[in-house]
Protein backbone atom coordinates (compact mmCIF):
# COMPACT_ATOMS: atom_id res chain seq x y z
CA MET A 1 -4.86 14.80 0.74
CA GLU A 2 -4.68 18.40 1.88
CA CYS A 3 -3.74 19.55 5.40
CA VAL A 4 -4.96 16.26 6.89
CA SER A 5 -4.70 15.51 10.60
CA GLN A 6 -5.57 12.11 11.99
CA GLY A 7 -5.35 10.18 15.23
CA TYR A 8 -7.13 8.29 17.97
CA ARG A 9 -8.69 9.31 21.27
CA GLY A 10 -7.28 12.82 21.24
CA HIS A 11 -3.78 11.74 20.15
CA ASP A 12 -2.70 12.99 16.74
CA LEU A 13 -0.58 10.54 14.75
CA PHE A 14 0.01 13.08 12.01
CA ARG A 15 -0.82 16.74 11.67
CA GLY A 16 -1.47 18.90 8.63
CA ILE A 17 -0.07 16.48 6.04
CA THR A 18 -0.46 17.37 2.37
CA LEU A 19 0.40 14.73 -0.23
CA THR A 20 -0.29 14.34 -3.93
CA LEU A 21 -0.07 10.84 -5.41
CA ASP A 22 0.17 10.99 -9.17
CA GLY A 23 1.68 7.80 -10.51
CA GLY A 24 4.48 5.32 -10.00
CA ILE A 25 5.39 3.11 -7.06
CA VAL A 26 5.65 5.04 -3.80
CA GLY A 27 7.42 3.63 -0.75
CA LEU A 28 5.95 4.77 2.57
CA VAL A 29 8.45 4.24 5.39
CA GLY A 30 8.84 5.27 9.01
CA PRO A 31 9.37 3.81 12.47
CA ASN A 32 6.74 1.82 14.34
CA GLY A 33 3.96 4.09 15.52
CA ALA A 34 4.65 6.74 12.90
CA GLY A 35 1.13 6.41 11.49
CA LYS A 36 1.78 4.59 8.21
CA THR A 37 -1.21 2.28 8.62
CA THR A 38 -3.40 5.16 9.74
CA LEU A 39 -2.31 7.18 6.72
CA LEU A 40 -3.25 4.33 4.37
CA ARG A 41 -6.58 3.81 6.13
CA THR A 42 -7.30 7.50 5.69
CA LEU A 43 -6.41 7.40 2.00
CA ALA A 44 -8.60 4.30 1.62
CA THR A 45 -11.52 6.27 3.19
CA VAL A 46 -11.75 3.70 5.99
CA MET A 47 -11.15 6.54 8.47
CA PRO A 48 -12.43 10.06 7.80
CA PRO A 49 -9.80 12.68 8.67
CA LYS A 50 -10.13 14.69 11.85
CA LEU A 51 -9.13 17.78 9.90
CA GLY A 52 -8.38 18.46 6.26
CA GLU A 53 -9.61 16.88 3.06
CA VAL A 54 -9.00 13.68 1.13
CA LEU A 55 -9.48 13.84 -2.63
CA ILE A 56 -9.67 10.74 -4.84
CA ASN A 57 -9.21 11.44 -8.55
CA GLY A 58 -9.65 15.11 -7.73
CA VAL A 59 -13.02 14.63 -5.99
CA ALA A 60 -13.28 15.55 -2.32
CA VAL A 61 -14.56 12.83 0.04
CA GLN A 62 -17.03 14.69 2.24
CA GLY A 63 -19.32 11.96 3.51
CA GLU A 64 -20.14 8.27 3.38
CA ALA A 65 -21.78 8.51 -0.04
CA ASP A 66 -18.63 10.12 -1.42
CA ALA A 67 -16.51 7.49 0.34
CA ARG A 68 -18.45 4.62 -1.27
CA ARG A 69 -17.91 6.12 -4.71
CA ALA A 70 -14.24 6.79 -3.97
CA ARG A 71 -13.64 3.18 -2.92
CA MET A 72 -14.40 2.10 -6.48
CA GLN A 73 -11.18 3.92 -7.41
CA VAL A 74 -9.03 2.50 -4.59
CA GLY A 75 -7.58 -0.95 -4.04
CA TYR A 76 -6.55 -1.56 -0.42
CA LEU A 77 -4.68 -4.50 1.09
CA PRO A 78 -4.47 -4.17 4.90
CA GLN A 79 -1.74 -5.82 6.95
CA ARG A 80 -4.08 -8.65 7.85
CA PHE A 81 -6.92 -9.73 5.63
CA GLY A 82 -9.27 -12.60 6.19
CA ALA A 83 -10.83 -15.03 3.76
CA PRO A 84 -13.04 -18.05 4.44
CA SER A 85 -10.66 -21.00 4.34
CA GLY A 86 -13.02 -23.07 2.19
CA MET A 87 -13.64 -20.34 -0.39
CA ARG A 88 -12.10 -20.80 -3.81
CA LEU A 89 -9.53 -18.18 -4.78
CA VAL A 90 -11.45 -17.20 -7.90
CA ASP A 91 -14.60 -16.61 -5.83
CA PHE A 92 -12.70 -14.56 -3.27
CA VAL A 93 -11.37 -12.25 -5.98
CA ARG A 94 -14.81 -12.07 -7.62
CA TYR A 95 -16.31 -11.06 -4.27
CA SER A 96 -13.76 -8.24 -4.07
CA ALA A 97 -14.75 -7.17 -7.59
CA TRP A 98 -18.39 -7.05 -6.49
CA LEU A 99 -17.48 -4.97 -3.42
CA ARG A 100 -15.62 -2.52 -5.65
CA GLY A 101 -18.67 -2.15 -7.85
CA VAL A 102 -17.31 -3.83 -10.95
CA PRO A 103 -20.38 -4.47 -13.18
CA SER A 104 -21.48 -8.10 -13.16
CA ASP A 105 -20.90 -8.53 -16.89
CA ARG A 106 -17.25 -7.45 -16.44
CA GLN A 107 -16.42 -9.36 -13.28
CA SER A 108 -15.21 -12.59 -14.89
CA ALA A 109 -12.80 -10.74 -17.18
CA ALA A 110 -11.61 -8.52 -14.32
CA VAL A 111 -10.94 -11.57 -12.15
CA GLU A 112 -8.96 -13.24 -14.94
CA VAL A 113 -6.82 -10.13 -15.40
CA ALA A 114 -6.17 -9.80 -11.65
CA LEU A 115 -5.19 -13.46 -11.20
CA ALA A 116 -2.93 -13.31 -14.24
CA ALA A 117 -1.22 -10.19 -12.87
CA VAL A 118 -0.21 -12.04 -9.70
CA ASP A 119 0.62 -15.31 -11.50
CA LEU A 120 -2.19 -17.28 -9.86
CA THR A 121 -4.37 -18.14 -12.86
CA GLU A 122 -3.87 -21.89 -12.42
CA ARG A 123 -4.71 -21.70 -8.71
CA GLY A 124 -8.08 -20.03 -9.27
CA PRO A 125 -10.07 -23.19 -8.35
CA SER A 126 -7.95 -23.77 -5.21
CA ARG A 127 -9.35 -23.25 -1.73
CA MET A 128 -7.81 -20.39 0.21
CA LYS A 129 -6.66 -22.76 2.95
CA SER A 130 -4.48 -24.63 0.45
CA LEU A 131 -2.43 -21.58 -0.57
CA SER A 132 1.05 -20.94 0.76
CA GLY A 133 1.82 -17.71 2.62
CA GLY A 134 3.29 -16.13 -0.50
CA MET A 135 0.29 -17.17 -2.57
CA ARG A 136 -2.09 -15.72 0.01
CA GLN A 137 -0.29 -12.38 -0.17
CA ARG A 138 -0.55 -12.43 -3.96
CA ALA A 139 -4.22 -13.36 -3.61
CA GLY A 140 -4.65 -10.27 -1.44
CA ILE A 141 -3.01 -8.15 -4.11
CA ALA A 142 -5.35 -9.66 -6.72
CA CYS A 143 -8.29 -8.55 -4.58
CA ALA A 144 -6.79 -5.06 -4.30
CA ILE A 145 -6.27 -4.65 -8.07
CA VAL A 146 -9.33 -6.39 -9.49
CA GLY A 147 -11.19 -3.91 -11.66
CA SER A 148 -7.99 -1.90 -12.22
CA PRO A 149 -8.40 0.85 -9.62
CA PRO A 150 -6.07 3.81 -10.29
CA LEU A 151 -4.83 3.88 -6.68
CA VAL A 152 -3.54 0.74 -4.91
CA LEU A 153 -2.58 0.83 -1.21
CA LEU A 154 -0.53 -2.05 0.21
CA ASP A 155 0.18 -2.18 3.95
CA GLU A 156 3.25 -4.25 4.88
CA PRO A 157 2.57 -6.83 2.13
CA THR A 158 5.95 -8.60 2.41
CA VAL A 159 5.81 -9.38 6.14
CA GLY A 160 6.52 -13.08 6.65
CA LEU A 161 7.66 -13.71 3.08
CA ASP A 162 10.95 -15.48 2.40
CA PRO A 163 13.52 -13.90 0.04
CA GLY A 164 12.25 -15.81 -2.99
CA GLN A 165 8.66 -14.80 -2.29
CA ARG A 166 9.71 -11.18 -1.88
CA LEU A 167 11.41 -11.23 -5.27
CA GLN A 168 8.24 -12.63 -6.81
CA PHE A 169 6.22 -9.96 -5.01
CA ARG A 170 8.45 -7.25 -6.50
CA ARG A 171 7.84 -8.57 -10.00
CA VAL A 172 4.09 -8.47 -9.38
CA ILE A 173 4.17 -4.86 -8.13
CA GLU A 174 6.24 -3.71 -11.09
CA LYS A 175 3.46 -4.93 -13.41
CA LEU A 176 0.75 -2.76 -11.83
CA ALA A 177 1.41 0.36 -13.94
CA PRO A 178 -0.28 2.66 -14.77
CA ALA A 179 -1.82 2.51 -11.29
CA THR A 180 -0.32 4.57 -8.48
CA VAL A 181 0.91 2.05 -5.90
CA VAL A 182 1.65 3.06 -2.30
CA LEU A 183 3.73 0.43 -0.52
CA SER A 184 4.05 0.74 3.26
CA THR A 185 7.07 -1.21 4.43
CA HIS A 186 9.94 -1.45 6.89
CA LEU A 187 12.16 -3.07 4.26
CA ILE A 188 14.36 -0.39 2.75
CA ASP A 189 15.80 -2.80 0.20
CA ASP A 190 12.29 -3.33 -1.24
CA VAL A 191 11.96 0.45 -1.59
CA ASP A 192 15.37 0.62 -3.23
CA ALA A 193 14.52 -2.18 -5.67
CA ILE A 194 11.10 -1.15 -7.00
CA CYS A 195 10.00 2.31 -5.85
CA ASP A 196 10.11 5.51 -7.86
CA ARG A 197 9.39 7.76 -4.91
CA VAL A 198 9.78 7.50 -1.16
CA ILE A 199 7.88 9.24 1.63
CA VAL A 200 9.30 9.15 5.15
CA VAL A 201 6.90 9.85 8.00
CA ALA A 202 7.69 10.22 11.69
CA ASP A 203 6.60 12.27 14.66
CA GLY A 204 3.39 13.36 12.97
CA ALA A 205 4.98 14.82 9.87
CA VAL A 206 6.45 14.06 6.45
CA LEU A 207 10.23 14.24 6.85
CA PHE A 208 11.07 13.50 3.22
CA ASP A 209 9.20 13.22 -0.06
CA GLY A 210 11.19 12.70 -3.23
CA THR A 211 12.77 10.17 -5.54
CA VAL A 212 14.72 7.21 -4.22
CA ALA A 213 17.89 8.64 -5.78
CA GLU A 214 17.35 12.00 -4.09
CA MET A 215 16.92 10.34 -0.71
CA ALA A 216 20.01 8.16 -1.18
CA GLU A 217 22.11 11.28 -1.63
CA ARG A 218 21.30 12.33 1.95
CA GLY A 219 23.15 9.44 3.57
CA THR A 220 26.78 9.65 4.66
CA THR A 221 29.31 6.98 5.55
CA THR A 222 29.01 7.96 9.23
CA ASP A 223 25.28 7.15 9.38
CA PRO A 224 24.25 3.65 10.50
CA GLY A 225 23.07 1.23 7.83
CA ASN A 226 24.35 -1.19 5.20
CA THR A 227 23.29 0.67 2.05
CA ARG A 228 23.16 4.28 0.93
CA LEU A 229 19.37 4.32 1.25
CA GLU A 230 19.41 2.80 4.74
CA ARG A 231 21.98 5.37 5.84
CA ALA A 232 19.89 8.15 4.33
CA TYR A 233 16.81 6.87 6.12
CA MET A 234 18.62 6.78 9.45
CA SER A 235 19.98 10.28 8.90
CA LEU A 236 16.38 11.53 8.77
CA LEU A 237 15.56 9.91 12.12
CA PRO A 238 18.45 10.85 14.41
CA ASP A 239 16.44 10.62 17.61
CA LEU A 240 14.19 7.67 16.87
CA GLY A 241 16.59 4.75 16.96
CA PRO A 242 17.15 2.01 14.38
CA LEU A 243 14.59 0.67 11.96
CA VAL A 244 12.79 -2.30 13.53
């Protein structure tokens, strides 16, 4: 995205942001209200930018026809996703493949690959209502990655997961290469564990964009937090209070 501004009802959540996403696992962090969800929705072409330009695979998205084509290259898991409780998991993922434009003769293979990637192959015949919370989150990831889109956007995917489920989630995300994965989260330890790059957004701007190691170097022992990365994060937000 180049010089993108976005917001609601005359209020800009971010202004003039330029970002290039070119591989790896990217952690997107910032306080509540910083615009992380809005940024992902803009990248997913759900919301056209107020100003600036979004490019997917180097192609500018300049209208709804462009957006439909771009969505074939983007997997998006919103914070809350719905699925008919009586639908089988395999059918839910196949429906997502159809929405992404995966050709009908490739859908079965694409669904198999997606379910295997999230370790849910054996649960394919299960109804969505029978899945645990962790399984539902992995089902959502399967829907986001079916057809192997080169860009995968995950909005707060570990909310509500217990520590064991979060560890399993991390293993799943690490297997998504070579896709570029953008992970919006409040959990700095998840960023520390699996991300290659971290982007910090607040007050309408990008405050940091670099490797996890580079960000960790910014923290000092006088900053609040339990780890180097937490302290570095807090040092970037001196006036915005603790991470919540």
